[in-house]
Amino acid sequence: MSNRVPVGPSGWYPDLDVTKVQLEYPLVRSLGDSDSQAIADVHSSYGIMRVRPAASLDQVTVEYDASRLSEKDLENVLQRFGIPVRRRFSV
């Protein structure tokens, strides 16, 4: 029996079913220097793959696993980490 972990085509993740979704969120204010740590920290949240600020710093693009998070859950995670996204859903 082998103890090897199966590795997917990317070389990083096992062959798991992932529903990768990319969304753009406008921001309620432009990002500042103090927001860079929040963007780095949100990557530790389960299901979030990538958060990229736009060059204009007035929106972020988020890649996440929709089989792990709903769009509403994603929005709540971004808010909880202090990323100033404009809400699409009411609280």
C-alpha atoms as a PDB file:
ATOM      1  CA  MET A   1       0.000   0.000   0.000  1.00  0.00           C
ATOM      2  CA  SER A   2       1.249   3.460  -0.893  1.00  0.00           C
ATOM      3  CA  ASN A   3       1.286   6.372   1.561  1.00  0.00           C
ATOM      4  CA  ARG A   4       1.532   8.935  -1.218  1.00  0.00           C
ATOM      5  CA  VAL A   5      -1.017  11.725  -1.386  1.00  0.00           C
ATOM      6  CA  PRO A   6      -2.560  12.153  -4.851  1.00  0.00           C
ATOM      7  CA  VAL A   7      -1.526  15.441  -6.406  1.00  0.00           C
ATOM      8  CA  GLY A   8      -3.675  17.264  -8.940  1.00  0.00           C
ATOM      9  CA  PRO A   9      -2.559  18.838 -12.205  1.00  0.00           C
ATOM     10  CA  SER A  10      -1.494  22.038 -10.436  1.00  0.00           C
ATOM     11  CA  GLY A  11       0.962  20.069  -8.344  1.00  0.00           C
ATOM     12  CA  TRP A  12      -0.382  21.571  -5.125  1.00  0.00           C
ATOM     13  CA  TYR A  13      -3.763  20.075  -4.319  1.00  0.00           C
ATOM     14  CA  PRO A  14      -5.032  16.515  -4.374  1.00  0.00           C
ATOM     15  CA  ASP A  15      -7.592  15.705  -7.036  1.00  0.00           C
ATOM     16  CA  LEU A  16     -10.615  17.054  -5.185  1.00  0.00           C
ATOM     17  CA  ASP A  17     -13.818  18.463  -6.568  1.00  0.00           C
ATOM     18  CA  VAL A  18     -13.515  22.226  -6.425  1.00  0.00           C
ATOM     19  CA  THR A  19     -15.959  24.746  -7.829  1.00  0.00           C
ATOM     20  CA  LYS A  20     -13.695  27.705  -8.467  1.00  0.00           C
ATOM     21  CA  VAL A  21     -15.546  31.021  -8.837  1.00  0.00           C
ATOM     22  CA  GLN A  22     -14.168  34.489  -9.438  1.00  0.00           C
ATOM     23  CA  LEU A  23     -16.096  37.601  -8.350  1.00  0.00           C
ATOM     24  CA  GLU A  24     -15.300  41.280  -8.458  1.00  0.00           C
ATOM     25  CA  TYR A  25     -16.346  43.406  -5.506  1.00  0.00           C
ATOM     26  CA  PRO A  26     -16.467  47.186  -5.607  1.00  0.00           C
ATOM     27  CA  LEU A  27     -15.169  48.801  -2.428  1.00  0.00           C
ATOM     28  CA  VAL A  28     -16.875  51.403  -0.249  1.00  0.00           C
ATOM     29  CA  ARG A  29     -13.526  53.217  -0.070  1.00  0.00           C
ATOM     30  CA  SER A  30     -10.171  52.890  -1.781  1.00  0.00           C
ATOM     31  CA  LEU A  31      -7.675  50.512  -0.222  1.00  0.00           C
ATOM     32  CA  GLY A  32      -4.893  51.976   1.855  1.00  0.00           C
ATOM     33  CA  ASP A  33      -1.622  50.671   3.259  1.00  0.00           C
ATOM     34  CA  SER A  34      -3.387  49.411   6.380  1.00  0.00           C
ATOM     35  CA  ASP A  35      -5.595  47.105   4.270  1.00  0.00           C
ATOM     36  CA  SER A  36      -2.704  45.042   2.917  1.00  0.00           C
ATOM     37  CA  GLN A  37      -2.523  42.919   6.082  1.00  0.00           C
ATOM     38  CA  ALA A  38      -6.271  42.203   5.930  1.00  0.00           C
ATOM     39  CA  ILE A  39      -5.904  41.029   2.322  1.00  0.00           C
ATOM     40  CA  ALA A  40      -2.999  38.789   3.311  1.00  0.00           C
ATOM     41  CA  ASP A  41      -4.863  37.407   6.341  1.00  0.00           C
ATOM     42  CA  VAL A  42      -8.112  36.583   4.501  1.00  0.00           C
ATOM     43  CA  HIS A  43      -6.240  33.903   2.535  1.00  0.00           C
ATOM     44  CA  SER A  44      -6.167  31.834   5.736  1.00  0.00           C
ATOM     45  CA  SER A  45      -9.949  31.525   5.615  1.00  0.00           C
ATOM     46  CA  TYR A  46     -11.324  28.175   4.450  1.00  0.00           C
ATOM     47  CA  GLY A  47     -12.337  28.213   0.779  1.00  0.00           C
ATOM     48  CA  ILE A  48     -10.681  31.478  -0.259  1.00  0.00           C
ATOM     49  CA  MET A  49      -8.036  30.950  -2.912  1.00  0.00           C
ATOM     50  CA  ARG A  50      -6.988  34.443  -3.980  1.00  0.00           C
ATOM     51  CA  VAL A  51      -7.818  38.089  -3.317  1.00  0.00           C
ATOM     52  CA  ARG A  52      -6.329  40.633  -5.721  1.00  0.00           C
ATOM     53  CA  PRO A  53      -6.816  44.380  -5.505  1.00  0.00           C
ATOM     54  CA  ALA A  54      -7.354  46.262  -8.770  1.00  0.00           C
ATOM     55  CA  ALA A  55      -4.619  48.670  -9.832  1.00  0.00           C
ATOM     56  CA  SER A  56      -7.063  51.509  -9.124  1.00  0.00           C
ATOM     57  CA  LEU A  57      -7.534  50.177  -5.541  1.00  0.00           C
ATOM     58  CA  ASP A  58     -11.304  50.659  -5.809  1.00  0.00           C
ATOM     59  CA  GLN A  59     -12.238  46.970  -6.168  1.00  0.00           C
ATOM     60  CA  VAL A  60     -10.967  43.473  -5.391  1.00  0.00           C
ATOM     61  CA  THR A  61     -11.190  40.247  -7.373  1.00  0.00           C
ATOM     62  CA  VAL A  62     -11.797  37.179  -5.231  1.00  0.00           C
ATOM     63  CA  GLU A  63     -11.328  33.561  -6.282  1.00  0.00           C
ATOM     64  CA  TYR A  64     -12.998  31.082  -3.967  1.00  0.00           C
ATOM     65  CA  ASP A  65     -14.321  27.537  -3.777  1.00  0.00           C
ATOM     66  CA  ALA A  66     -18.099  27.762  -4.146  1.00  0.00           C
ATOM     67  CA  SER A  67     -18.475  24.194  -2.908  1.00  0.00           C
ATOM     68  CA  ARG A  68     -17.133  25.448   0.440  1.00  0.00           C
ATOM     69  CA  LEU A  69     -18.601  28.969   0.652  1.00  0.00           C
ATOM     70  CA  SER A  70     -21.770  30.594  -0.614  1.00  0.00           C
ATOM     71  CA  GLU A  71     -21.500  34.080  -2.066  1.00  0.00           C
ATOM     72  CA  LYS A  72     -23.126  35.461   1.085  1.00  0.00           C
ATOM     73  CA  ASP A  73     -20.623  33.573   3.288  1.00  0.00           C
ATOM     74  CA  LEU A  74     -17.772  34.945   1.188  1.00  0.00           C
ATOM     75  CA  GLU A  75     -19.007  38.481   1.624  1.00  0.00           C
ATOM     76  CA  ASN A  76     -19.244  37.994   5.397  1.00  0.00           C
ATOM     77  CA  VAL A  77     -15.673  36.617   5.550  1.00  0.00           C
ATOM     78  CA  LEU A  78     -14.335  39.605   3.597  1.00  0.00           C
ATOM     79  CA  GLN A  79     -16.159  41.993   5.935  1.00  0.00           C
ATOM     80  CA  ARG A  80     -14.960  40.132   9.030  1.00  0.00           C
ATOM     81  CA  PHE A  81     -11.345  40.513   7.910  1.00  0.00           C
ATOM     82  CA  GLY A  82     -11.872  44.243   7.389  1.00  0.00           C
ATOM     83  CA  ILE A  83     -11.875  44.376   3.595  1.00  0.00           C
ATOM     84  CA  PRO A  84     -14.281  47.229   2.729  1.00  0.00           C
ATOM     85  CA  VAL A  85     -16.409  45.479   0.109  1.00  0.00           C
ATOM     86  CA  ARG A  86     -19.752  46.950  -0.882  1.00  0.00           C
ATOM     87  CA  ARG A  87     -22.379  44.525   0.385  1.00  0.00           C
ATOM     88  CA  ARG A  88     -24.610  42.740  -2.124  1.00  0.00           C
ATOM     89  CA  PHE A  89     -26.628  41.061   0.632  1.00  0.00           C
ATOM     90  CA  SER A  90     -28.232  42.688   3.637  1.00  0.00           C
ATOM     91  CA  VAL A  91     -27.075  41.514   7.037  1.00  0.00           C
END
